[in-house]
Amino acid sequence: MKEVGDIDEQTISGDALVRALAALANPHRLRIIASLAGGRNYVSQLARDIGMSRPLLHMHLQRLEAAGLVAGTLELSVDGKAMKFFAVTPFAIQLTPGIIAEAARTLIAPSGPDTEP
């Protein structure tokens, strides 16, 4: 399985697993991943495609990027405008009780009912 950031089904750390699952546990972020699955897109067009404001889209893209699920690059258009493009990074997360148990042994993040990744 290809490694993305620190997401690899054989050696995924507990913290990487928590970040990835937390990032994917939001319907807006799932829609963003689904839209980007067809190919990379720049923020303004992506916002129009999924019917979301650019500030809200940026917030969700930051969360996905921090989890290693998307990657952004800044490019200049022919007329000199800066455009931020995002694309899905190849990833696969396989969950089994054994993988979760191994990942849990490596958790660094605090745990408890009031903690959020």
Protein backbone atom coordinates (compact mmCIF):
# COMPACT_ATOMS: atom_id res chain seq x y z
CA MET A 1 0.00 0.00 0.00
CA LYS A 2 1.35 3.43 -0.92
CA GLU A 3 2.31 5.65 1.99
CA VAL A 4 0.81 9.15 2.11
CA GLY A 5 2.35 11.43 4.68
CA ASP A 6 2.26 9.16 7.69
CA ILE A 7 -0.77 7.14 6.54
CA ASP A 8 0.23 3.60 5.65
CA GLU A 9 -2.02 0.68 6.50
CA GLN A 10 0.91 -1.41 7.73
CA THR A 11 2.42 1.20 10.06
CA ILE A 12 -0.15 3.94 10.62
CA SER A 13 0.40 5.82 13.86
CA GLY A 14 -2.49 6.36 16.20
CA ASP A 15 -2.29 10.12 15.77
CA ALA A 16 -2.28 9.87 11.95
CA LEU A 17 -5.28 7.56 12.08
CA VAL A 18 -7.16 9.96 14.38
CA ARG A 19 -6.38 12.93 12.07
CA ALA A 20 -7.47 11.05 8.94
CA LEU A 21 -10.69 9.69 10.43
CA ALA A 22 -11.57 13.04 12.02
CA ALA A 23 -10.99 14.80 8.70
CA LEU A 24 -13.20 12.30 6.88
CA ALA A 25 -15.96 12.41 9.52
CA ASN A 26 -17.52 15.55 8.03
CA PRO A 27 -19.99 15.57 5.13
CA HIS A 28 -18.49 18.75 3.62
CA ARG A 29 -15.02 17.24 3.57
CA LEU A 30 -16.35 14.03 2.02
CA ARG A 31 -17.93 16.15 -0.74
CA ILE A 32 -14.61 17.94 -1.27
CA ILE A 33 -12.73 14.62 -1.58
CA ALA A 34 -15.41 13.33 -3.96
CA SER A 35 -15.15 16.42 -6.14
CA LEU A 36 -11.35 16.28 -6.22
CA ALA A 37 -11.41 12.56 -7.04
CA GLY A 38 -12.10 13.63 -10.64
CA GLY A 39 -8.87 15.65 -10.76
CA ARG A 40 -7.29 18.71 -9.28
CA ASN A 41 -9.15 22.00 -9.10
CA TYR A 42 -8.53 25.54 -7.93
CA VAL A 43 -10.27 26.93 -4.87
CA SER A 44 -12.69 29.35 -6.56
CA GLN A 45 -13.95 26.75 -9.04
CA LEU A 46 -14.13 24.06 -6.38
CA ALA A 47 -16.21 26.39 -4.18
CA ARG A 48 -18.63 26.97 -7.08
CA ASP A 49 -18.77 23.27 -7.95
CA ILE A 50 -19.79 22.20 -4.45
CA GLY A 51 -21.77 25.32 -3.51
CA MET A 52 -19.63 26.45 -0.59
CA SER A 53 -18.13 29.80 0.36
CA ARG A 54 -14.40 30.13 -0.22
CA PRO A 55 -13.60 30.88 3.45
CA LEU A 56 -15.48 27.76 4.59
CA LEU A 57 -13.86 25.71 1.82
CA HIS A 58 -10.40 26.93 2.90
CA MET A 59 -11.09 25.82 6.46
CA HIS A 60 -12.09 22.33 5.32
CA LEU A 61 -9.16 22.08 2.89
CA GLN A 62 -6.74 22.99 5.69
CA ARG A 63 -8.11 20.14 7.80
CA LEU A 64 -7.84 17.68 4.89
CA GLU A 65 -4.33 18.88 4.06
CA ALA A 66 -3.20 18.55 7.70
CA ALA A 67 -4.42 14.95 7.64
CA GLY A 68 -2.43 14.26 4.44
CA LEU A 69 -5.54 13.57 2.35
CA VAL A 70 -5.18 16.48 -0.08
CA ALA A 71 -2.25 18.61 -1.24
CA GLY A 72 -2.32 22.21 -2.40
CA THR A 73 -0.02 24.06 -4.77
CA LEU A 74 0.07 27.75 -5.62
CA GLU A 75 0.33 28.56 -9.33
CA LEU A 76 0.20 31.72 -11.42
CA SER A 77 -2.35 32.05 -14.21
CA VAL A 78 -1.40 33.55 -17.58
CA ASP A 79 -2.77 36.92 -16.44
CA GLY A 80 -0.63 36.82 -13.27
CA LYS A 81 -3.30 35.86 -10.73
CA ALA A 82 -2.26 33.49 -7.96
CA MET A 83 -4.43 30.36 -7.97
CA LYS A 84 -4.37 27.67 -5.29
CA PHE A 85 -4.94 24.21 -6.75
CA PHE A 86 -5.82 21.17 -4.65
CA ALA A 87 -5.68 17.48 -5.49
CA VAL A 88 -6.41 14.32 -3.56
CA THR A 89 -3.30 12.46 -2.44
CA PRO A 90 -3.47 8.71 -3.06
CA PHE A 91 -4.47 7.06 0.20
CA ALA A 92 -6.02 3.88 1.49
CA ILE A 93 -7.00 3.29 5.08
CA GLN A 94 -7.77 -0.27 6.02
CA LEU A 95 -9.32 -0.73 9.45
CA THR A 96 -9.17 -3.97 11.32
CA PRO A 97 -9.16 -4.51 15.07
CA GLY A 98 -5.47 -5.44 14.85
CA ILE A 99 -4.49 -2.31 12.92
CA ILE A 100 -6.45 -0.14 15.36
CA ALA A 101 -4.83 -1.88 18.35
CA GLU A 102 -1.35 -1.33 16.90
CA ALA A 103 -2.11 2.31 16.08
CA ALA A 104 -3.52 2.92 19.57
CA ARG A 105 -0.20 1.85 21.11
CA THR A 106 1.50 4.78 19.37
CA LEU A 107 -0.96 7.52 20.37
CA ILE A 108 0.71 10.70 21.50
CA ALA A 109 -2.37 12.95 21.47
CA PRO A 110 -4.26 13.27 24.73
CA SER A 111 -7.33 11.10 25.12
CA GLY A 112 -10.55 11.70 26.89
CA PRO A 113 -14.12 12.79 26.31
CA ASP A 114 -13.25 16.48 25.87
CA THR A 115 -10.33 16.17 23.46
CA GLU A 116 -10.57 16.80 19.75
CA PRO A 117 -7.89 15.96 17.21
